[in-house]
Protein backbone atom coordinates (compact mmCIF):
# COMPACT_ATOMS: atom_id res chain seq x y z
CA UNK A 1 -0.06 -0.41 -0.01
CA UNK A 2 1.25 3.22 -1.33
CA UNK A 3 2.60 5.77 2.28
CA UNK A 4 0.83 9.46 1.82
CA UNK A 5 2.20 12.23 1.72
CA UNK A 6 0.09 15.82 1.48
CA UNK A 7 1.14 19.13 -0.37
CA UNK A 8 -0.26 22.24 -1.68
CA UNK A 9 1.62 21.28 -5.09
CA UNK A 10 3.05 18.55 -6.59
CA UNK A 11 5.59 19.22 -9.46
CA UNK A 12 6.49 16.98 -11.45
CA UNK A 13 10.06 17.61 -13.06
CA UNK A 14 12.75 19.51 -12.06
CA UNK A 15 13.68 21.27 -14.87
CA UNK A 16 13.07 24.82 -15.40
CA UNK A 17 9.43 24.43 -15.36
CA UNK A 18 9.56 22.60 -12.54
CA UNK A 19 11.59 24.23 -10.46
CA UNK A 20 10.07 27.86 -11.09
CA UNK A 21 6.70 26.94 -10.51
CA UNK A 22 8.05 25.23 -6.91
CA UNK A 23 9.90 28.36 -5.84
CA UNK A 24 7.01 30.75 -7.18
CA UNK A 25 4.73 28.64 -5.41
CA UNK A 26 6.59 28.50 -2.09
CA UNK A 27 6.68 32.55 -2.51
CA UNK A 28 3.01 32.74 -2.60
CA UNK A 29 2.75 30.48 0.97
CA UNK A 30 2.09 27.27 -0.82
CA UNK A 31 3.39 23.89 1.00
CA UNK A 32 5.63 22.03 -2.72
CA UNK A 33 7.19 18.93 -3.74
CA UNK A 34 9.40 18.00 -6.70
CA UNK A 35 9.25 14.98 -8.12
CA UNK A 36 12.60 14.27 -9.85
CA UNK A 37 13.26 10.76 -11.59
CA UNK A 38 17.34 11.69 -11.72
CA UNK A 39 18.81 10.21 -8.80
CA UNK A 40 21.90 12.56 -8.54
CA UNK A 41 22.29 15.82 -7.82
CA UNK A 42 22.72 17.33 -10.66
CA UNK A 43 20.13 15.04 -12.35
CA UNK A 44 20.61 15.27 -16.24
CA UNK A 45 17.79 17.20 -17.87
CA UNK A 46 17.26 19.05 -20.87
CA UNK A 47 17.42 22.26 -18.54
CA UNK A 48 20.69 21.71 -17.48
CA UNK A 49 22.33 21.09 -20.85
CA UNK A 50 20.38 23.90 -22.63
CA UNK A 51 22.95 26.83 -23.90
CA UNK A 52 20.72 29.05 -21.59
CA UNK A 53 19.79 31.94 -24.28
CA UNK A 54 16.37 33.31 -23.39
CA UNK A 55 14.53 34.58 -26.53
CA UNK A 56 11.13 34.51 -27.91
CA UNK A 57 11.34 33.08 -31.80
CA UNK A 58 14.69 35.07 -31.78
CA UNK A 59 13.27 38.32 -30.34
CA UNK A 60 14.48 39.92 -27.25
CA UNK A 61 12.20 39.23 -24.27
CA UNK A 62 11.30 42.73 -23.03
CA UNK A 63 10.75 43.62 -26.81
CA UNK A 64 6.73 45.14 -26.86
CA UNK A 65 4.33 41.85 -26.77
CA UNK A 66 2.77 43.21 -29.75
CA UNK A 67 5.85 42.94 -31.15
CA UNK A 68 6.25 39.25 -29.60
CA UNK A 69 3.00 37.87 -30.50
CA UNK A 70 4.17 38.89 -34.49
CA UNK A 71 6.72 36.99 -34.08
CA UNK A 72 5.35 33.59 -32.71
CA UNK A 73 2.78 34.01 -35.03
CA UNK A 74 4.80 34.13 -38.26
CA UNK A 75 7.60 31.59 -37.28
CA UNK A 76 5.01 29.45 -36.86
CA UNK A 77 2.70 30.43 -39.83
CA UNK A 78 -0.14 31.03 -37.43
CA UNK A 79 -0.14 28.10 -36.12
CA UNK A 80 0.31 28.65 -32.04
CA UNK A 81 -2.58 29.26 -29.83
CA UNK A 82 -3.13 32.66 -29.60
CA UNK A 83 -3.98 32.66 -25.68
CA UNK A 84 -0.87 30.97 -25.07
CA UNK A 85 1.11 33.28 -27.68
CA UNK A 86 -0.49 36.02 -25.56
CA UNK A 87 0.45 34.75 -22.09
CA UNK A 88 4.21 34.10 -23.37
CA UNK A 89 4.78 37.37 -24.82
CA UNK A 90 3.11 39.25 -22.10
CA UNK A 91 4.79 37.36 -19.01
CA UNK A 92 8.21 36.96 -20.77
CA UNK A 93 9.83 40.46 -18.75
CA UNK A 94 8.44 39.96 -15.80
CA UNK A 95 9.51 36.41 -15.57
CA UNK A 96 12.89 37.37 -16.82
CA UNK A 97 13.03 39.83 -13.84
CA UNK A 98 11.86 36.81 -11.02
CA UNK A 99 14.25 34.80 -12.54
CA UNK A 100 17.58 37.47 -11.81
CA UNK A 101 15.36 38.06 -8.71
CA UNK A 102 16.06 34.54 -7.76
CA UNK A 103 19.75 34.96 -8.19
CA UNK A 104 20.20 34.37 -12.06
CA UNK A 105 23.21 36.12 -13.93
CA UNK A 106 22.98 36.85 -17.32
CA UNK A 107 25.42 37.77 -20.31
CA UNK A 108 24.67 39.11 -23.59
CA UNK A 109 25.98 39.26 -27.28
CA UNK A 110 25.20 43.43 -27.71
CA UNK A 111 25.46 42.62 -31.43
CA UNK A 112 22.45 40.12 -31.54
CA UNK A 113 19.67 41.33 -30.59
CA UNK A 114 17.77 38.13 -29.09
CA UNK A 115 21.00 36.57 -27.76
CA UNK A 116 20.69 39.99 -25.03
CA UNK A 117 19.83 37.37 -21.91
CA UNK A 118 22.19 34.26 -21.57
CA UNK A 119 22.33 32.66 -18.54
CA UNK A 120 26.21 33.46 -17.22
CA UNK A 121 28.50 31.73 -17.16
CA UNK A 122 27.96 30.96 -20.99
CA UNK A 123 28.63 28.17 -22.51
CA UNK A 124 32.11 27.82 -24.25
CA UNK A 125 32.62 27.43 -28.27
CA UNK A 126 32.91 23.84 -27.77
CA UNK A 127 31.26 21.01 -30.08
CA UNK A 128 31.02 18.53 -27.49
CA UNK A 129 28.57 18.53 -25.09
CA UNK A 130 29.73 20.99 -21.78
CA UNK A 131 27.17 21.85 -19.00
CA UNK A 132 28.61 21.58 -15.72
CA UNK A 133 28.77 24.92 -14.18
CA UNK A 134 27.45 26.44 -17.14
CA UNK A 135 24.37 29.10 -17.10
CA UNK A 136 21.75 26.72 -17.24
CA UNK A 137 23.21 24.52 -14.37
CA UNK A 138 24.19 27.49 -12.36
CA UNK A 139 21.14 28.78 -12.42
CA UNK A 140 18.79 25.48 -11.37
CA UNK A 141 21.06 24.18 -8.78
CA UNK A 142 20.08 28.36 -7.77
CA UNK A 143 16.52 27.71 -7.71
CA UNK A 144 16.96 24.36 -5.76
CA UNK A 145 18.47 25.92 -3.16
CA UNK A 146 15.88 28.60 -2.59
CA UNK A 147 13.65 25.68 -2.85
CA UNK A 148 15.01 24.47 -0.11
CA UNK A 149 15.06 27.45 1.89
CA UNK A 150 11.81 28.28 1.83
CA UNK A 151 10.96 24.64 2.83
CA UNK A 152 9.70 23.46 -0.10
CA UNK A 153 11.25 19.52 -0.96
CA UNK A 154 12.33 18.07 -4.01
CA UNK A 155 12.44 14.23 -4.07
CA UNK A 156 15.42 12.40 -6.52
CA UNK A 157 14.90 9.33 -7.70
CA UNK A 158 10.94 9.35 -7.50
CA UNK A 159 9.25 8.80 -11.01
CA UNK A 160 5.97 9.85 -11.29
CA UNK A 161 3.21 6.96 -12.37
CA UNK A 162 -0.25 8.21 -12.36
CA UNK A 163 -2.73 10.70 -11.41
CA UNK A 164 -4.82 10.66 -8.60
CA UNK A 165 -8.32 11.90 -9.43
CA UNK A 166 -11.20 12.69 -7.01
CA UNK A 167 -13.93 12.88 -9.33
CA UNK A 168 -13.12 15.79 -12.31
CA UNK A 169 -10.22 17.08 -10.22
CA UNK A 170 -6.76 16.18 -9.76
CA UNK A 171 -5.86 15.42 -6.29
CA UNK A 172 -1.92 13.97 -6.41
CA UNK A 173 0.01 11.64 -8.08
CA UNK A 174 1.14 8.03 -7.23
CA UNK A 175 4.74 7.80 -7.28
CA UNK A 176 7.73 5.04 -7.43
CA UNK A 177 10.63 5.98 -5.22
CA UNK A 178 13.86 3.70 -4.93
CA UNK A 179 11.83 1.68 -1.87
CA UNK A 180 8.37 2.08 -1.98
CA UNK A 181 5.30 3.84 -3.50
CA UNK A 182 3.53 7.02 -2.58
CA UNK A 183 0.73 8.52 -3.09
CA UNK A 184 1.48 12.80 -3.01
CA UNK A 185 -2.23 14.09 -2.16
CA UNK A 186 -1.78 17.97 -3.46
CA UNK A 187 -4.47 20.43 -4.02
CA UNK A 188 -3.16 20.48 -7.76
CA UNK A 189 -0.21 18.99 -9.78
CA UNK A 190 2.01 20.20 -12.23
CA UNK A 191 3.51 18.45 -14.79
CA UNK A 192 6.73 19.70 -15.81
CA UNK A 193 8.86 16.72 -17.21
CA UNK A 194 9.88 17.64 -20.53
CA UNK A 195 8.79 15.93 -23.96
CA UNK A 196 9.01 12.28 -25.32
CA UNK A 197 11.83 12.89 -27.26
CA UNK A 198 13.62 9.92 -25.91
CA UNK A 199 10.90 7.34 -25.71
CA UNK A 200 11.55 5.29 -29.06
CA UNK A 201 7.87 3.55 -29.23
CA UNK A 202 5.98 7.35 -29.18
CA UNK A 203 8.45 8.81 -31.64
CA UNK A 204 7.79 6.15 -34.18
CA UNK A 205 4.04 6.65 -33.36
CA UNK A 206 4.26 10.58 -33.81
CA UNK A 207 7.35 11.62 -35.54
CA UNK A 208 9.39 8.96 -37.28
CA UNK A 209 8.91 5.56 -39.01
CA UNK A 210 12.47 5.18 -37.96
CA UNK A 211 13.11 6.60 -34.88
CA UNK A 212 16.73 4.87 -34.07
CA UNK A 213 17.94 7.04 -37.04
CA UNK A 214 17.90 10.38 -35.22
CA UNK A 215 20.69 11.28 -33.17
CA UNK A 216 18.94 12.20 -29.79
CA UNK A 217 20.90 15.95 -29.08
CA UNK A 218 19.50 16.02 -25.43
CA UNK A 219 19.59 14.75 -21.70
CA UNK A 220 18.09 11.19 -22.47
CA UNK A 221 15.53 11.97 -20.20
CA UNK A 222 12.37 13.07 -22.05
CA UNK A 223 10.40 9.91 -21.64
CA UNK A 224 6.36 11.19 -22.12
CA UNK A 225 5.57 10.60 -18.60
CA UNK A 226 3.38 13.52 -18.14
CA UNK A 227 2.02 13.36 -21.40
CA UNK A 228 0.66 9.67 -20.76
CA UNK A 229 -0.73 10.45 -17.04
CA UNK A 230 -2.23 13.53 -18.68
CA UNK A 231 -3.97 11.12 -21.45
CA UNK A 232 -5.25 8.72 -18.80
CA UNK A 233 -7.04 11.31 -17.46
CA UNK A 234 -8.64 12.85 -20.28
CA UNK A 235 -6.29 15.72 -21.26
CA UNK A 236 -6.44 16.93 -25.12
CA UNK A 237 -3.30 17.53 -26.58
CA UNK A 238 -1.75 19.12 -29.54
CA UNK A 239 -0.25 17.43 -33.17
CA UNK A 240 2.74 15.65 -31.67
CA UNK A 241 4.61 15.02 -35.16
CA UNK A 242 7.18 17.92 -34.93
CA UNK A 243 10.52 18.34 -32.85
CA UNK A 244 13.40 21.21 -32.27
CA UNK A 245 16.74 20.09 -33.56
CA UNK A 246 19.29 20.88 -35.95
CA UNK A 247 20.95 18.98 -38.65
CA UNK A 248 24.32 17.30 -37.58
CA UNK A 249 26.90 15.32 -39.38
CA UNK A 250 25.67 11.40 -39.52
CA UNK A 251 29.07 10.98 -38.05
CA UNK A 252 28.02 12.43 -34.75
CA UNK A 253 26.20 8.63 -34.27
CA UNK A 254 29.85 7.75 -33.20
CA UNK A 255 31.57 10.84 -32.43
CA UNK A 256 30.88 12.50 -29.58
CA UNK A 257 33.04 15.89 -30.73
CA UNK A 258 30.25 16.09 -33.39
CA UNK A 259 27.36 17.23 -31.29
CA UNK A 260 25.49 19.02 -30.59
CA UNK A 261 27.57 21.31 -32.60
CA UNK A 262 29.08 22.01 -35.49
CA UNK A 263 25.60 22.15 -36.87
CA UNK A 264 24.88 21.62 -40.73
CA UNK A 265 21.89 24.21 -40.99
CA UNK A 266 23.48 26.85 -42.84
CA UNK A 267 24.96 24.55 -45.24
CA UNK A 268 21.44 22.88 -45.88
CA UNK A 269 19.50 26.21 -45.99
CA UNK A 270 21.59 27.63 -48.49
CA UNK A 271 22.21 24.65 -50.87
CA UNK A 272 19.95 21.48 -51.37
CA UNK A 273 19.24 18.46 -49.38
CA UNK A 274 19.20 15.25 -51.27
CA UNK A 275 17.76 11.79 -50.60
CA UNK A 276 19.57 8.51 -51.97
CA UNK A 277 18.43 8.88 -55.52
CA UNK A 278 20.30 12.44 -55.74
CA UNK A 279 16.58 14.18 -55.72
CA UNK A 280 15.79 17.19 -53.04
CA UNK A 281 13.44 16.55 -50.11
CA UNK A 282 12.22 19.78 -48.78
CA UNK A 283 12.54 23.29 -49.13
CA UNK A 284 15.79 24.15 -48.26
CA UNK A 285 15.07 28.09 -47.56
CA UNK A 286 12.80 26.86 -44.05
CA UNK A 287 15.97 27.04 -41.62
CA UNK A 288 17.33 24.00 -40.23
CA UNK A 289 14.62 22.82 -37.65
CA UNK A 290 12.09 22.22 -40.98
CA UNK A 291 14.71 20.28 -42.84
CA UNK A 292 15.50 17.95 -39.43
CA UNK A 293 11.87 16.97 -39.34
CA UNK A 294 11.28 16.38 -43.30
CA UNK A 295 14.35 14.29 -42.90
CA UNK A 296 13.15 12.64 -39.53
CA UNK A 297 9.78 11.37 -41.87
CA UNK A 298 11.33 9.65 -44.60
CA UNK A 299 11.29 5.92 -44.64
CA UNK A 300 14.92 6.20 -44.38
CA UNK A 301 15.90 9.48 -42.03
CA UNK A 302 19.62 8.09 -42.65
CA UNK A 303 19.99 8.83 -46.84
CA UNK A 304 20.21 12.20 -46.74
CA UNK A 305 23.38 14.28 -47.81
CA UNK A 306 23.66 17.73 -48.33
CA UNK A 307 25.13 19.66 -51.28
CA UNK A 308 26.58 22.97 -51.78
CA UNK A 309 29.50 24.67 -53.52
CA UNK A 310 32.76 26.69 -52.34
CA UNK A 311 31.04 29.91 -52.33
CA UNK A 312 28.30 28.29 -49.60
CA UNK A 313 31.67 26.15 -47.79
CA UNK A 314 33.11 30.14 -47.43
CA UNK A 315 30.76 32.18 -46.63
CA UNK A 316 27.38 30.87 -44.67
CA UNK A 317 29.64 27.25 -43.69
CA UNK A 318 31.82 30.00 -42.01
CA UNK A 319 29.23 32.56 -40.54
CA UNK A 320 27.99 30.73 -37.27
CA UNK A 321 29.48 30.79 -33.88
CA UNK A 322 30.45 27.12 -33.97
CA UNK A 323 30.72 26.69 -37.80
CA UNK A 324 31.15 23.82 -39.66
CA UNK A 325 34.35 25.30 -42.20
CA UNK A 326 36.78 24.23 -40.21
CA UNK A 327 35.04 22.48 -37.39
CA UNK A 328 33.57 19.27 -39.55
CA UNK A 329 37.02 18.77 -40.80
CA UNK A 330 39.01 19.45 -37.69
CA UNK A 331 36.66 17.04 -35.45
CA UNK A 332 36.74 14.13 -37.53
CA UNK A 333 33.34 14.81 -39.68
CA UNK A 334 32.86 13.60 -43.60
CA UNK A 335 33.32 16.32 -45.88
CA UNK A 336 33.04 14.82 -49.79
CA UNK A 337 35.12 17.22 -52.10
CA UNK A 338 35.30 17.21 -55.57
CA UNK A 339 35.59 19.26 -58.91
CA UNK A 340 32.43 17.93 -60.52
CA UNK A 341 29.00 16.98 -59.13
CA UNK A 342 29.32 13.57 -61.22
CA UNK A 343 32.59 12.82 -59.29
CA UNK A 344 31.05 14.51 -55.99
CA UNK A 345 27.99 11.86 -56.93
CA UNK A 346 30.73 9.04 -57.08
CA UNK A 347 32.33 9.94 -53.79
CA UNK A 348 28.79 10.40 -51.43
CA UNK A 349 27.49 7.23 -52.74
CA UNK A 350 24.63 8.95 -55.07
CA UNK A 351 23.38 8.56 -58.37
CA UNK A 352 25.08 10.08 -61.01
CA UNK A 353 23.09 10.79 -63.86
CA UNK A 354 20.24 12.28 -61.07
CA UNK A 355 22.29 14.12 -58.88
CA UNK A 356 23.45 16.30 -62.22
CA UNK A 357 19.74 16.67 -63.29
CA UNK A 358 19.11 17.96 -59.53
CA UNK A 359 21.77 20.45 -59.05
CA UNK A 360 21.25 21.73 -62.65
CA UNK A 361 17.27 22.35 -62.52
CA UNK A 362 18.34 23.98 -58.77
CA UNK A 363 20.67 26.24 -60.51
CA UNK A 364 18.54 27.10 -63.29
CA UNK A 365 15.90 28.05 -60.84
CA UNK A 366 18.24 30.37 -58.84
CA UNK A 367 19.19 31.98 -62.22
CA UNK A 368 15.86 32.20 -62.89
CA UNK A 369 14.48 33.59 -59.67
CA UNK A 370 11.88 30.44 -60.17
CA UNK A 371 12.80 28.90 -57.24
CA UNK A 372 8.90 28.46 -56.43
CA UNK A 373 8.69 26.52 -59.91
CA UNK A 374 10.82 23.67 -58.55
CA UNK A 375 8.98 20.72 -56.83
CA UNK A 376 9.75 20.74 -53.87
CA UNK A 377 9.46 24.89 -54.42
CA UNK A 378 12.65 26.68 -52.98
CA UNK A 379 11.56 29.86 -50.69
CA UNK A 380 13.50 32.15 -48.91
CA UNK A 381 12.28 32.21 -45.72
CA UNK A 382 15.25 31.73 -43.47
CA UNK A 383 18.00 32.20 -46.04
CA UNK A 384 17.83 32.74 -49.81
CA UNK A 385 19.01 30.06 -52.32
CA UNK A 386 22.68 30.54 -53.51
CA UNK A 387 23.64 28.08 -56.72
CA UNK A 388 25.81 24.99 -56.29
CA UNK A 389 28.08 26.61 -59.20
CA UNK A 390 31.67 27.39 -58.01
CA UNK A 391 33.65 24.52 -57.78
CA UNK A 392 35.33 22.62 -55.67
CA UNK A 393 32.01 20.98 -55.28
CA UNK A 394 30.89 19.63 -51.31
CA UNK A 395 28.40 16.36 -49.60
CA UNK A 396 28.32 15.98 -46.40
CA UNK A 397 26.06 13.04 -44.52
CA UNK A 398 23.39 14.38 -42.15
CA UNK A 399 20.98 13.11 -39.58
CA UNK A 400 18.63 14.86 -37.68
CA UNK A 401 19.56 15.49 -34.53
CA UNK A 402 16.37 15.62 -31.82
CA UNK A 403 16.39 18.15 -28.62
CA UNK A 404 12.50 18.04 -27.72
CA UNK A 405 9.69 16.93 -29.10
CA UNK A 406 7.06 20.60 -29.77
CA UNK A 407 3.63 19.34 -29.38
CA UNK A 408 1.88 17.79 -25.96
CA UNK A 409 -0.99 18.78 -22.89
CA UNK A 410 -2.92 21.52 -24.61
CA UNK A 411 -2.92 24.42 -21.92
CA UNK A 412 -4.90 27.31 -21.29
CA UNK A 413 -3.53 30.62 -20.50
CA UNK A 414 -3.46 30.01 -17.17
CA UNK A 415 -1.32 26.57 -17.50
CA UNK A 416 -4.64 24.62 -17.03
CA UNK A 417 -4.76 21.33 -18.66
CA UNK A 418 -8.03 21.08 -21.15
CA UNK A 419 -9.96 18.49 -21.86
CA UNK A 420 -11.20 17.79 -25.77
CA UNK A 421 -14.13 20.42 -25.31
CA UNK A 422 -11.39 23.38 -24.08
CA UNK A 423 -12.48 23.26 -20.47
CA UNK A 424 -10.06 22.96 -17.80
CA UNK A 425 -9.10 19.78 -15.63
CA UNK A 426 -9.59 21.05 -11.93
CA UNK A 427 -6.46 20.77 -10.22
CA UNK A 428 -4.21 19.94 -12.93
CA UNK A 429 -1.59 22.28 -14.69
CA UNK A 430 1.42 21.91 -17.23
CA UNK A 431 4.40 23.45 -18.37
CA UNK A 432 7.40 23.68 -20.67
CA UNK A 433 8.09 21.14 -23.05
CA UNK A 434 5.31 18.43 -22.37
CA UNK A 435 2.97 21.26 -23.31
CA UNK A 436 1.29 21.91 -27.16
CA UNK A 437 0.21 24.68 -28.57
CA UNK A 438 3.07 26.91 -29.42
CA UNK A 439 5.85 25.61 -30.72
CA UNK A 440 5.27 23.09 -34.19
CA UNK A 441 2.50 23.79 -36.83
CA UNK A 442 3.68 22.47 -40.56
CA UNK A 443 6.49 25.18 -40.03
CA UNK A 444 7.57 23.61 -37.34
CA UNK A 445 7.90 27.06 -35.96
CA UNK A 446 10.73 27.51 -32.73
CA UNK A 447 9.27 29.41 -29.83
CA UNK A 448 12.15 29.15 -27.62
CA UNK A 449 11.98 26.31 -24.85
CA UNK A 450 13.78 27.74 -22.24
CA UNK A 451 11.17 30.60 -21.93
CA UNK A 452 8.28 28.59 -22.46
CA UNK A 453 9.42 26.45 -19.41
CA UNK A 454 9.89 29.66 -17.11
CA UNK A 455 6.99 31.36 -18.11
CA UNK A 456 4.25 28.78 -17.83
CA UNK A 457 6.14 27.37 -14.65
CA UNK A 458 5.51 30.88 -13.37
CA UNK A 459 1.94 31.00 -14.42
CA UNK A 460 1.13 27.40 -13.14
CA UNK A 461 1.97 28.47 -9.72
CA UNK A 462 0.73 31.77 -9.65
CA UNK A 463 -2.72 30.25 -10.94
CA UNK A 464 -2.60 27.28 -8.64
CA UNK A 465 -2.01 29.70 -5.49
CA UNK A 466 -4.79 32.00 -6.01
CA UNK A 467 -7.05 28.75 -6.94
CA UNK A 468 -5.98 27.61 -3.09
CA UNK A 469 -6.24 31.28 -1.48
CA UNK A 470 -10.07 31.72 -3.46
CA UNK A 471 -11.10 28.20 -1.31
């Protein structure tokens, strides 16, 4: 029989969404417990591994609310839920100021408008995953310290199993600890355990027919527990078919120095991305996140190759902070180089005739300004197309790297989990990347995972506190 403990608020997940919600609730006088599946003091989670840039759709979080709303609607092509967009844009500045009040330190990159709020110390420009003592890790540690000082509890090594329902109301969580099963009875529950990017079955069901061909560019902890628990009590969910990620060298599967950087996005969005038959896969102008999703949906996601020329290699190839030129080669990634497209095709294992036709048609469309007539069409949404015409020519075998899934539990502007009829489930909230309605859509629009987590963690705690005080 489960041992019972009672709290005002129980939170599933100890990332930014969870620890922000926990601290804000404790500030407002609630008794709080955070259930964290990880055992270690510095348990793995996507929040801890994050680069720490706080932005909203590549805009400064302190831009005026109407500008932030327009940015989200533009990048998601109008697919984002307006109530969530409004709540995100209207709370962003206050959320950053609250985080600073909790002891978070910030740095900025003055020349880049959307990188004004970077958790300090900033991650160094290295290719491999380095997170210890970096801004996100330091801030999470501070938030945990603050929670303990406020009388809140964090229960590590505790996996939430199911929600406790009292009629229509969520009244707690059943969880398994190291030694026993516990019932955490609560006035309200916040699900904040991240997406399902590390769950192969859910990925196969919703994202890719071959999820093993996606490089896990994350902490490996997002298993979809919160999504499953919410499903069991009748919560609605958004489309689950999109994720945030980037293009990586395919060698990242066996070379740890090739992930999470360098990204191959800039090369792909300037040149072309082809499948095993030498045919273009998708609209490269939509950018790396869109292309990663398109590759993941292929029957064989491990067949994609980026084709480009020397002008792209010397231009966009050097444009990012950790650029593929020269980092890809320096860290041991595959780069095929040839004087002709035919020779390049042979080196890359692609059909010569088909690749020559693809490159020729693409170059003609660039010259004539008729990239919209290509199949698939080529836009200039994220980057204008460049011809593949200046030798030497290059090919990089790539894979889709997945960071977190974009779809999940549907919530309202108060972070309340919703039923399919759009009514809230009393006592149940969700925050962070286990929620849907913002990121994603057919454009795979990226809103900004950290701000989404921080804002809706804050909102969930404040609404739960107000609801309890109103009783």
